[in-house]
Amino acid sequence: MNIPELYKPKFNSLKRQIPVVNIQEKKLFIQEFKREQPFILSHDLSDYLTETLEAVAALDKNVRIKTFDSIPYREIREGYFNDYLTYTRQADTTPFYPINFELIEERSLNITQTPFRHYALSLNEGIFPHIQKFKVPFIENDNYLLQLENNFYQKFKVTSPHWLFIHPKYSVSNAHYDHDAVHTAIFQLKGSKWACLVAPEDHKYIQNKSFPLLPNGFNDFTNDALAQLPTEGLVTWEGELNENQILFIPKRWVHYVVGQSSGISYSQDIVNQTNFNDWMASVMRS
């Protein structure tokens, strides 16, 4: 784990390495996927990176974007994409947000004791339409979310399944799990990240109200007080996600992610036969 102590999870836990697999057959992939445990798949992502870099080069640099200091966020800022690119590429990691980015929203609640670097929470297909073509290996068109018409998304307020992240070094997503019982695949196109995951059956260990909580009800992983949190039985799944690797996160697995370097990631929400019923129930409740 090549990140400062400040950003490392502070609680004691039984640590399990996220397995890295090299699968060439769909049958073996399906077997691994159905276990609903996280794993990292080695896969050539160079074509996706090339397409993304070409799209970045072609984008009007005066497009305005929003940045967040984490998930959950304490503040949101807005500014020009070009200033954001400069910020993500610079070696100095002390600035917490790009130059000329104005504060547009701030939560008065003290979410965390640790200040995090800003990043673009998602650069969706409205800015980068090419990501709509990206497919998860072995799942491809089996992802039901890729088969929905736009009016379904609008009617039921379902978010797009496509997310693009251009992130600075040491950007952080604090403890959360993804919406609507989706599975998630994170493609690391450039640079690297470090991830810490907690299974649904272990959520009770990281929802201890006697210790600092985030607005979503999970403990703030970076708070020093967590060293004293009673975590007997807690297992954290931890691992590095490097270029040409895809991290699969099953539904409702809490994840905490740190950018070990600046980089580019693409994430796709997944709904298939393994989580369709849970997903539909979640959508209908919203």
C-alpha atoms as a PDB file:
ATOM      1  CA  MET A   1       0.000   0.000   0.000  1.00  0.00           C
ATOM      2  CA  ASN A   2       1.802   3.107  -1.274  1.00  0.00           C
ATOM      3  CA  ILE A   3      -0.243   5.831   0.435  1.00  0.00           C
ATOM      4  CA  PRO A   4       0.407   8.197   3.379  1.00  0.00           C
ATOM      5  CA  GLU A   5      -0.528   7.042   6.875  1.00  0.00           C
ATOM      6  CA  LEU A   6      -3.144   9.796   6.947  1.00  0.00           C
ATOM      7  CA  TYR A   7      -5.254   7.955   4.367  1.00  0.00           C
ATOM      8  CA  LYS A   8      -4.894   4.408   5.672  1.00  0.00           C
ATOM      9  CA  PRO A   9      -7.879   2.777   7.450  1.00  0.00           C
ATOM     10  CA  LYS A  10      -7.294   2.961  11.180  1.00  0.00           C
ATOM     11  CA  PHE A  11      -9.178  -0.004  12.601  1.00  0.00           C
ATOM     12  CA  ASN A  12      -7.760  -3.407  13.413  1.00  0.00           C
ATOM     13  CA  SER A  13      -9.112  -6.246  11.296  1.00  0.00           C
ATOM     14  CA  LEU A  14      -8.291  -9.618   9.854  1.00  0.00           C
ATOM     15  CA  LYS A  15      -6.898  -8.712   6.437  1.00  0.00           C
ATOM     16  CA  ARG A  16      -7.592 -10.807   3.358  1.00  0.00           C
ATOM     17  CA  GLN A  17      -5.950 -10.198   0.008  1.00  0.00           C
ATOM     18  CA  ILE A  18      -8.306  -9.590  -2.911  1.00  0.00           C
ATOM     19  CA  PRO A  19      -7.424 -12.409  -5.329  1.00  0.00           C
ATOM     20  CA  VAL A  20      -6.018 -11.562  -8.757  1.00  0.00           C
ATOM     21  CA  VAL A  21      -7.240 -13.969 -11.436  1.00  0.00           C
ATOM     22  CA  ASN A  22      -6.258 -14.538 -15.046  1.00  0.00           C
ATOM     23  CA  ILE A  23      -9.361 -16.014 -16.670  1.00  0.00           C
ATOM     24  CA  GLN A  24      -9.668 -16.762 -20.368  1.00  0.00           C
ATOM     25  CA  GLU A  25     -12.997 -18.611 -20.494  1.00  0.00           C
ATOM     26  CA  LYS A  26     -16.487 -17.252 -19.856  1.00  0.00           C
ATOM     27  CA  LYS A  27     -17.510 -20.399 -17.948  1.00  0.00           C
ATOM     28  CA  LEU A  28     -14.697 -19.873 -15.408  1.00  0.00           C
ATOM     29  CA  PHE A  29     -15.521 -16.174 -15.128  1.00  0.00           C
ATOM     30  CA  ILE A  30     -19.176 -16.899 -14.370  1.00  0.00           C
ATOM     31  CA  GLN A  31     -18.162 -19.356 -11.660  1.00  0.00           C
ATOM     32  CA  GLU A  32     -15.960 -16.705 -10.043  1.00  0.00           C
ATOM     33  CA  PHE A  33     -18.572 -13.965 -10.420  1.00  0.00           C
ATOM     34  CA  LYS A  34     -21.381 -15.999  -8.867  1.00  0.00           C
ATOM     35  CA  ARG A  35     -19.420 -16.404  -5.633  1.00  0.00           C
ATOM     36  CA  GLU A  36     -20.217 -12.715  -4.930  1.00  0.00           C
ATOM     37  CA  GLN A  37     -16.785 -12.061  -3.475  1.00  0.00           C
ATOM     38  CA  PRO A  38     -14.419  -9.381  -4.793  1.00  0.00           C
ATOM     39  CA  PHE A  39     -11.696 -10.295  -7.261  1.00  0.00           C
ATOM     40  CA  ILE A  40      -9.328  -8.557  -9.669  1.00  0.00           C
ATOM     41  CA  LEU A  41      -9.224  -9.655 -13.297  1.00  0.00           C
ATOM     42  CA  SER A  42      -6.111  -9.098 -15.406  1.00  0.00           C
ATOM     43  CA  HIS A  43      -7.240  -7.872 -18.831  1.00  0.00           C
ATOM     44  CA  ASP A  44      -5.824  -5.778 -21.677  1.00  0.00           C
ATOM     45  CA  LEU A  45      -7.462  -2.343 -21.395  1.00  0.00           C
ATOM     46  CA  SER A  46      -5.154  -0.468 -23.762  1.00  0.00           C
ATOM     47  CA  ASP A  47      -7.877   0.188 -26.366  1.00  0.00           C
ATOM     48  CA  TYR A  48     -10.106   1.747 -23.697  1.00  0.00           C
ATOM     49  CA  LEU A  49      -7.231   3.950 -22.540  1.00  0.00           C
ATOM     50  CA  THR A  50      -6.439   5.081 -26.087  1.00  0.00           C
ATOM     51  CA  GLU A  51     -10.081   6.027 -26.726  1.00  0.00           C
ATOM     52  CA  THR A  52     -10.260   7.940 -23.453  1.00  0.00           C
ATOM     53  CA  LEU A  53      -7.028   9.855 -24.019  1.00  0.00           C
ATOM     54  CA  GLU A  54      -8.226  10.811 -27.516  1.00  0.00           C
ATOM     55  CA  ALA A  55     -11.521  12.026 -26.060  1.00  0.00           C
ATOM     56  CA  VAL A  56      -9.718  14.059 -23.390  1.00  0.00           C
ATOM     57  CA  ALA A  57      -7.481  15.669 -26.022  1.00  0.00           C
ATOM     58  CA  ALA A  58     -10.500  16.583 -28.164  1.00  0.00           C
ATOM     59  CA  LEU A  59     -12.648  18.012 -25.353  1.00  0.00           C
ATOM     60  CA  ASP A  60     -13.200  21.745 -25.072  1.00  0.00           C
ATOM     61  CA  LYS A  61     -11.019  22.603 -22.103  1.00  0.00           C
ATOM     62  CA  ASN A  62     -13.426  25.371 -21.063  1.00  0.00           C
ATOM     63  CA  VAL A  63     -16.093  22.821 -20.179  1.00  0.00           C
ATOM     64  CA  ARG A  64     -17.006  23.301 -16.533  1.00  0.00           C
ATOM     65  CA  ILE A  65     -17.075  20.333 -14.155  1.00  0.00           C
ATOM     66  CA  LYS A  66     -17.795  19.702 -10.489  1.00  0.00           C
ATOM     67  CA  THR A  67     -15.388  18.102  -8.037  1.00  0.00           C
ATOM     68  CA  PHE A  68     -16.018  16.478  -4.656  1.00  0.00           C
ATOM     69  CA  ASP A  69     -13.662  15.934  -1.745  1.00  0.00           C
ATOM     70  CA  SER A  70     -14.886  12.356  -1.200  1.00  0.00           C
ATOM     71  CA  ILE A  71     -17.907  10.070  -1.063  1.00  0.00           C
ATOM     72  CA  PRO A  72     -19.715  11.107   1.116  1.00  0.00           C
ATOM     73  CA  TYR A  73     -18.660  14.684   0.350  1.00  0.00           C
ATOM     74  CA  ARG A  74     -18.072  17.630   2.611  1.00  0.00           C
ATOM     75  CA  GLU A  75     -17.840  20.176  -0.202  1.00  0.00           C
ATOM     76  CA  ILE A  76     -18.366  20.565  -3.946  1.00  0.00           C
ATOM     77  CA  ARG A  77     -16.393  22.908  -6.177  1.00  0.00           C
ATOM     78  CA  GLU A  78     -16.748  23.920  -9.814  1.00  0.00           C
ATOM     79  CA  GLY A  79     -14.326  25.141 -12.459  1.00  0.00           C
ATOM     80  CA  TYR A  80     -12.781  24.528 -15.865  1.00  0.00           C
ATOM     81  CA  PHE A  81     -11.829  21.042 -17.023  1.00  0.00           C
ATOM     82  CA  ASN A  82      -8.433  22.326 -18.187  1.00  0.00           C
ATOM     83  CA  ASP A  83      -7.574  23.546 -14.677  1.00  0.00           C
ATOM     84  CA  TYR A  84      -8.661  20.173 -13.332  1.00  0.00           C
ATOM     85  CA  LEU A  85      -6.367  18.299 -15.746  1.00  0.00           C
ATOM     86  CA  THR A  86      -3.429  20.450 -14.638  1.00  0.00           C
ATOM     87  CA  TYR A  87      -4.227  19.672 -11.014  1.00  0.00           C
ATOM     88  CA  THR A  88      -4.403  15.896 -11.570  1.00  0.00           C
ATOM     89  CA  ARG A  89      -1.081  15.814 -13.440  1.00  0.00           C
ATOM     90  CA  GLN A  90       1.076  17.885 -11.121  1.00  0.00           C
ATOM     91  CA  ALA A  91       3.565  16.194  -8.819  1.00  0.00           C
ATOM     92  CA  ASP A  92       2.709  18.425  -5.836  1.00  0.00           C
ATOM     93  CA  THR A  93       0.000  16.672  -3.798  1.00  0.00           C
ATOM     94  CA  THR A  94      -0.567  19.471  -1.284  1.00  0.00           C
ATOM     95  CA  PRO A  95      -3.350  21.371  -3.101  1.00  0.00           C
ATOM     96  CA  PHE A  96      -6.739  19.976  -2.100  1.00  0.00           C
ATOM     97  CA  TYR A  97      -8.520  21.318  -5.194  1.00  0.00           C
ATOM     98  CA  PRO A  98      -7.622  22.885  -8.570  1.00  0.00           C
ATOM     99  CA  ILE A  99      -6.842  26.560  -8.947  1.00  0.00           C
ATOM    100  CA  ASN A 100      -9.832  28.764  -9.750  1.00  0.00           C
ATOM    101  CA  PHE A 101     -12.338  26.152  -8.535  1.00  0.00           C
ATOM    102  CA  GLU A 102     -15.099  27.913  -6.621  1.00  0.00           C
ATOM    103  CA  LEU A 103     -16.948  26.470  -3.630  1.00  0.00           C
ATOM    104  CA  ILE A 104     -20.608  25.933  -4.608  1.00  0.00           C
ATOM    105  CA  GLU A 105     -21.835  23.675  -1.799  1.00  0.00           C
ATOM    106  CA  GLU A 106     -20.610  22.862   1.692  1.00  0.00           C
ATOM    107  CA  ARG A 107     -22.036  20.607   4.374  1.00  0.00           C
ATOM    108  CA  SER A 108     -21.856  22.148   7.816  1.00  0.00           C
ATOM    109  CA  LEU A 109     -21.623  18.669   9.327  1.00  0.00           C
ATOM    110  CA  ASN A 110     -18.038  17.742  10.158  1.00  0.00           C
ATOM    111  CA  ILE A 111     -17.979  14.569   8.075  1.00  0.00           C
ATOM    112  CA  THR A 112     -14.383  13.574   8.704  1.00  0.00           C
ATOM    113  CA  GLN A 113     -11.328  14.805  10.571  1.00  0.00           C
ATOM    114  CA  THR A 114      -9.206  14.122   7.491  1.00  0.00           C
ATOM    115  CA  PRO A 115      -9.122  16.595   4.579  1.00  0.00           C
ATOM    116  CA  PHE A 116      -9.230  14.816   1.214  1.00  0.00           C
ATOM    117  CA  ARG A 117      -8.125  15.940  -2.238  1.00  0.00           C
ATOM    118  CA  HIS A 118     -10.882  16.841  -4.673  1.00  0.00           C
ATOM    119  CA  TYR A 119     -11.671  14.730  -7.724  1.00  0.00           C
ATOM    120  CA  ALA A 120     -14.360  14.600 -10.387  1.00  0.00           C
ATOM    121  CA  LEU A 121     -16.905  12.190  -8.936  1.00  0.00           C
ATOM    122  CA  SER A 122     -17.846  11.118 -12.448  1.00  0.00           C
ATOM    123  CA  LEU A 123     -17.319  12.421 -15.954  1.00  0.00           C
ATOM    124  CA  ASN A 124     -20.361  10.800 -17.525  1.00  0.00           C
ATOM    125  CA  GLU A 125     -21.374  10.165 -21.127  1.00  0.00           C
ATOM    126  CA  GLY A 126     -22.729  13.693 -21.391  1.00  0.00           C
ATOM    127  CA  ILE A 127     -19.094  14.830 -21.562  1.00  0.00           C
ATOM    128  CA  PHE A 128     -17.495  11.605 -22.786  1.00  0.00           C
ATOM    129  CA  PRO A 129     -20.077   9.776 -24.947  1.00  0.00           C
ATOM    130  CA  HIS A 130     -17.502   7.160 -26.021  1.00  0.00           C
ATOM    131  CA  ILE A 131     -17.758   5.370 -22.654  1.00  0.00           C
ATOM    132  CA  GLN A 132     -21.242   4.144 -23.585  1.00  0.00           C
ATOM    133  CA  LYS A 133     -19.489   1.594 -25.831  1.00  0.00           C
ATOM    134  CA  PHE A 134     -17.380   0.089 -23.040  1.00  0.00           C
ATOM    135  CA  LYS A 135     -18.221  -3.504 -22.162  1.00  0.00           C
ATOM    136  CA  VAL A 136     -17.245  -5.639 -19.167  1.00  0.00           C
ATOM    137  CA  PRO A 137     -15.296  -8.717 -20.328  1.00  0.00           C
ATOM    138  CA  PHE A 138     -17.318 -11.956 -20.269  1.00  0.00           C
ATOM    139  CA  ILE A 139     -20.463 -10.017 -19.233  1.00  0.00           C
ATOM    140  CA  GLU A 140     -20.676  -7.693 -22.230  1.00  0.00           C
ATOM    141  CA  ASN A 141     -24.341  -7.541 -23.329  1.00  0.00           C
ATOM    142  CA  ASP A 142     -25.495  -9.643 -20.353  1.00  0.00           C
ATOM    143  CA  ASN A 143     -25.569  -6.456 -18.291  1.00  0.00           C
ATOM    144  CA  TYR A 144     -29.281  -5.573 -18.261  1.00  0.00           C
ATOM    145  CA  LEU A 145     -28.513  -1.895 -17.598  1.00  0.00           C
ATOM    146  CA  LEU A 146     -27.018  -1.591 -21.080  1.00  0.00           C
ATOM    147  CA  GLN A 147     -30.319  -2.763 -22.588  1.00  0.00           C
ATOM    148  CA  LEU A 148     -32.541  -0.111 -20.995  1.00  0.00           C
ATOM    149  CA  GLU A 149     -34.086   2.745 -22.950  1.00  0.00           C
ATOM    150  CA  ASN A 150     -33.383   6.292 -21.819  1.00  0.00           C
ATOM    151  CA  ASN A 151     -37.015   6.808 -20.780  1.00  0.00           C
ATOM    152  CA  PHE A 152     -36.622   4.026 -18.175  1.00  0.00           C
ATOM    153  CA  TYR A 153     -33.718   5.875 -16.575  1.00  0.00           C
ATOM    154  CA  GLN A 154     -35.746   9.078 -16.515  1.00  0.00           C
ATOM    155  CA  LYS A 155     -38.983   7.516 -15.271  1.00  0.00           C
ATOM    156  CA  PHE A 156     -37.445   5.623 -12.369  1.00  0.00           C
ATOM    157  CA  LYS A 157     -34.570   8.066 -11.716  1.00  0.00           C
ATOM    158  CA  VAL A 158     -31.982   5.359 -12.323  1.00  0.00           C
ATOM    159  CA  THR A 159     -28.475   6.702 -12.799  1.00  0.00           C
ATOM    160  CA  SER A 160     -26.356   5.870 -15.805  1.00  0.00           C
ATOM    161  CA  PRO A 161     -24.258   2.682 -15.470  1.00  0.00           C
ATOM    162  CA  HIS A 162     -21.191   4.449 -16.933  1.00  0.00           C
ATOM    163  CA  TRP A 163     -18.700   6.426 -14.830  1.00  0.00           C
ATOM    164  CA  LEU A 164     -15.336   7.879 -15.841  1.00  0.00           C
ATOM    165  CA  PHE A 165     -12.834   9.047 -13.223  1.00  0.00           C
ATOM    166  CA  ILE A 166      -9.727  11.092 -13.946  1.00  0.00           C
ATOM    167  CA  HIS A 167      -8.245  11.240 -10.488  1.00  0.00           C
ATOM    168  CA  PRO A 168      -5.316  12.974  -8.754  1.00  0.00           C
ATOM    169  CA  LYS A 169      -2.863  11.172  -6.520  1.00  0.00           C
ATOM    170  CA  TYR A 170      -4.268  10.495  -3.009  1.00  0.00           C
ATOM    171  CA  SER A 171      -7.891  11.127  -3.937  1.00  0.00           C
ATOM    172  CA  VAL A 172     -10.182   9.202  -1.575  1.00  0.00           C
ATOM    173  CA  SER A 173     -13.626   7.634  -1.698  1.00  0.00           C
ATOM    174  CA  ASN A 174     -14.554   6.998   1.923  1.00  0.00           C
ATOM    175  CA  ALA A 175     -16.669   4.053   3.108  1.00  0.00           C
ATOM    176  CA  HIS A 176     -19.808   3.530   0.986  1.00  0.00           C
ATOM    177  CA  TYR A 177     -21.536   0.967  -1.159  1.00  0.00           C
ATOM    178  CA  ASP A 178     -23.055   1.583  -4.555  1.00  0.00           C
ATOM    179  CA  HIS A 179     -26.723   2.405  -5.116  1.00  0.00           C
ATOM    180  CA  ASP A 180     -29.596   0.100  -6.001  1.00  0.00           C
ATOM    181  CA  ALA A 181     -27.879  -3.237  -5.218  1.00  0.00           C
ATOM    182  CA  VAL A 182     -25.703  -3.047  -8.336  1.00  0.00           C
ATOM    183  CA  HIS A 183     -22.479  -4.974  -8.793  1.00  0.00           C
ATOM    184  CA  THR A 184     -19.576  -2.790  -9.915  1.00  0.00           C
ATOM    185  CA  ALA A 185     -16.592  -3.292 -12.213  1.00  0.00           C
ATOM    186  CA  ILE A 186     -13.751  -0.753 -11.975  1.00  0.00           C
ATOM    187  CA  PHE A 187     -11.336  -0.664 -14.947  1.00  0.00           C
ATOM    188  CA  GLN A 188      -7.939   0.813 -14.097  1.00  0.00           C
ATOM    189  CA  LEU A 189      -6.873   2.360 -17.396  1.00  0.00           C
ATOM    190  CA  LYS A 190      -3.939   4.388 -16.080  1.00  0.00           C
ATOM    191  CA  GLY A 191      -2.182   4.642 -12.704  1.00  0.00           C
ATOM    192  CA  SER A 192      -3.152   2.659  -9.633  1.00  0.00           C
ATOM    193  CA  LYS A 193      -5.562   2.565  -6.687  1.00  0.00           C
ATOM    194  CA  TRP A 194      -5.707   0.751  -3.371  1.00  0.00           C
ATOM    195  CA  ALA A 195      -9.016  -0.632  -2.142  1.00  0.00           C
ATOM    196  CA  CYS A 196     -10.388  -1.897   1.169  1.00  0.00           C
ATOM    197  CA  LEU A 197     -13.724  -3.769   1.075  1.00  0.00           C
ATOM    198  CA  VAL A 198     -16.100  -5.066   3.745  1.00  0.00           C
ATOM    199  CA  ALA A 199     -18.738  -7.760   3.123  1.00  0.00           C
ATOM    200  CA  PRO A 200     -22.440  -7.092   3.895  1.00  0.00           C
ATOM    201  CA  GLU A 201     -22.400  -9.562   6.798  1.00  0.00           C
ATOM    202  CA  ASP A 202     -19.630  -7.485   8.440  1.00  0.00           C
ATOM    203  CA  HIS A 203     -21.352  -4.093   8.149  1.00  0.00           C
ATOM    204  CA  LYS A 204     -22.305  -4.283  11.829  1.00  0.00           C
ATOM    205  CA  TYR A 205     -18.636  -3.910  12.767  1.00  0.00           C
ATOM    206  CA  ILE A 206     -18.225  -0.649  10.852  1.00  0.00           C
ATOM    207  CA  GLN A 207     -21.516   0.942  11.966  1.00  0.00           C
ATOM    208  CA  ASN A 208     -20.520   1.382  15.599  1.00  0.00           C
ATOM    209  CA  LYS A 209     -22.248   4.529  16.844  1.00  0.00           C
ATOM    210  CA  SER A 210     -19.696   5.018  19.621  1.00  0.00           C
ATOM    211  CA  PHE A 211     -17.119   5.968  16.984  1.00  0.00           C
ATOM    212  CA  PRO A 212     -17.100   8.691  14.293  1.00  0.00           C
ATOM    213  CA  LEU A 213     -19.764   8.040  11.648  1.00  0.00           C
ATOM    214  CA  LEU A 214     -20.173   9.300   8.104  1.00  0.00           C
ATOM    215  CA  PRO A 215     -23.615  10.576   7.003  1.00  0.00           C
ATOM    216  CA  ASN A 216     -24.260   7.201   5.357  1.00  0.00           C
ATOM    217  CA  GLY A 217     -23.970   5.422   8.724  1.00  0.00           C
ATOM    218  CA  PHE A 218     -20.537   3.825   8.278  1.00  0.00           C
ATOM    219  CA  ASN A 219     -17.529   4.641  10.401  1.00  0.00           C
ATOM    220  CA  ASP A 220     -15.025   7.114   8.970  1.00  0.00           C
ATOM    221  CA  PHE A 221     -12.189   4.752   8.004  1.00  0.00           C
ATOM    222  CA  THR A 222      -9.486   7.421   8.494  1.00  0.00           C
ATOM    223  CA  ASN A 223     -10.411   8.479  12.030  1.00  0.00           C
ATOM    224  CA  ASP A 224      -7.673   7.673  14.566  1.00  0.00           C
ATOM    225  CA  ALA A 225     -10.272   6.644  17.146  1.00  0.00           C
ATOM    226  CA  LEU A 226     -10.999   3.505  15.127  1.00  0.00           C
ATOM    227  CA  ALA A 227      -7.838   1.914  16.481  1.00  0.00           C
ATOM    228  CA  GLN A 228      -9.921   1.299  19.622  1.00  0.00           C
ATOM    229  CA  LEU A 229     -13.042   0.094  17.807  1.00  0.00           C
ATOM    230  CA  PRO A 230     -13.997  -3.470  18.801  1.00  0.00           C
ATOM    231  CA  THR A 231     -13.635  -5.344  15.518  1.00  0.00           C
ATOM    232  CA  GLU A 232     -13.279  -8.957  16.588  1.00  0.00           C
ATOM    233  CA  GLY A 233     -14.557 -10.911  13.606  1.00  0.00           C
ATOM    234  CA  LEU A 234     -14.178  -8.079  11.077  1.00  0.00           C
ATOM    235  CA  VAL A 235     -12.516  -9.113   7.812  1.00  0.00           C
ATOM    236  CA  THR A 236     -11.289  -6.484   5.346  1.00  0.00           C
ATOM    237  CA  TRP A 237     -10.502  -7.460   1.765  1.00  0.00           C
ATOM    238  CA  GLU A 238      -7.591  -5.350   0.549  1.00  0.00           C
ATOM    239  CA  GLY A 239      -5.617  -5.034  -2.672  1.00  0.00           C
ATOM    240  CA  GLU A 240      -3.959  -2.873  -5.298  1.00  0.00           C
ATOM    241  CA  LEU A 241      -5.660  -2.196  -8.607  1.00  0.00           C
ATOM    242  CA  ASN A 242      -3.084  -1.551 -11.312  1.00  0.00           C
ATOM    243  CA  GLU A 243      -3.199  -0.772 -15.015  1.00  0.00           C
ATOM    244  CA  ASN A 244      -4.861  -3.447 -17.144  1.00  0.00           C
ATOM    245  CA  GLN A 245      -6.803  -4.795 -14.193  1.00  0.00           C
ATOM    246  CA  ILE A 246     -10.526  -4.772 -13.338  1.00  0.00           C
ATOM    247  CA  LEU A 247     -11.828  -4.886  -9.772  1.00  0.00           C
ATOM    248  CA  PHE A 248     -15.221  -6.569  -9.330  1.00  0.00           C
ATOM    249  CA  ILE A 249     -17.179  -5.372  -6.294  1.00  0.00           C
ATOM    250  CA  PRO A 250     -20.340  -7.360  -5.453  1.00  0.00           C
ATOM    251  CA  LYS A 251     -23.574  -5.673  -4.404  1.00  0.00           C
ATOM    252  CA  ARG A 252     -23.598  -3.934  -1.005  1.00  0.00           C
ATOM    253  CA  TRP A 253     -19.912  -4.479  -0.347  1.00  0.00           C
ATOM    254  CA  VAL A 254     -18.626  -1.347   1.377  1.00  0.00           C
ATOM    255  CA  HIS A 255     -15.507  -0.012  -0.297  1.00  0.00           C
ATOM    256  CA  TYR A 256     -12.877   2.550   0.609  1.00  0.00           C
ATOM    257  CA  VAL A 257     -10.574   3.524  -2.260  1.00  0.00           C
ATOM    258  CA  VAL A 258      -7.417   5.671  -2.445  1.00  0.00           C
ATOM    259  CA  GLY A 259      -5.579   6.766  -5.587  1.00  0.00           C
ATOM    260  CA  GLN A 260      -1.988   5.611  -5.145  1.00  0.00           C
ATOM    261  CA  SER A 261      -1.096   7.729  -8.161  1.00  0.00           C
ATOM    262  CA  SER A 262      -2.886  10.024 -10.537  1.00  0.00           C
ATOM    263  CA  GLY A 263      -4.769   8.012 -13.115  1.00  0.00           C
ATOM    264  CA  ILE A 264      -7.854   7.200 -15.146  1.00  0.00           C
ATOM    265  CA  SER A 265     -10.540   4.691 -14.166  1.00  0.00           C
ATOM    266  CA  TYR A 266     -13.805   3.630 -15.753  1.00  0.00           C
ATOM    267  CA  SER A 267     -16.579   2.050 -13.708  1.00  0.00           C
ATOM    268  CA  GLN A 268     -19.696   0.214 -14.872  1.00  0.00           C
ATOM    269  CA  ASP A 269     -22.712  -0.711 -12.744  1.00  0.00           C
ATOM    270  CA  ILE A 270     -23.867  -4.272 -13.407  1.00  0.00           C
ATOM    271  CA  VAL A 271     -27.296  -5.861 -13.117  1.00  0.00           C
ATOM    272  CA  ASN A 272     -27.705  -9.456 -14.279  1.00  0.00           C
ATOM    273  CA  GLN A 273     -29.543 -12.564 -13.114  1.00  0.00           C
ATOM    274  CA  THR A 274     -27.554 -12.665  -9.852  1.00  0.00           C
ATOM    275  CA  ASN A 275     -28.862  -9.326  -8.538  1.00  0.00           C
ATOM    276  CA  PHE A 276     -31.853  -8.454 -10.738  1.00  0.00           C
ATOM    277  CA  ASN A 277     -34.510  -9.022  -8.060  1.00  0.00           C
ATOM    278  CA  ASP A 278     -32.644  -6.935  -5.460  1.00  0.00           C
ATOM    279  CA  TRP A 279     -32.061  -4.194  -8.004  1.00  0.00           C
ATOM    280  CA  MET A 280     -35.702  -4.033  -9.077  1.00  0.00           C
ATOM    281  CA  ALA A 281     -36.881  -3.918  -5.465  1.00  0.00           C
ATOM    282  CA  SER A 282     -34.505  -1.035  -4.777  1.00  0.00           C
ATOM    283  CA  VAL A 283     -35.577   0.888  -7.881  1.00  0.00           C
ATOM    284  CA  MET A 284     -39.288   0.498  -7.091  1.00  0.00           C
ATOM    285  CA  ARG A 285     -38.742   1.762  -3.543  1.00  0.00           C
ATOM    286  CA  SER A 286     -37.029   4.931  -4.703  1.00  0.00           C
END
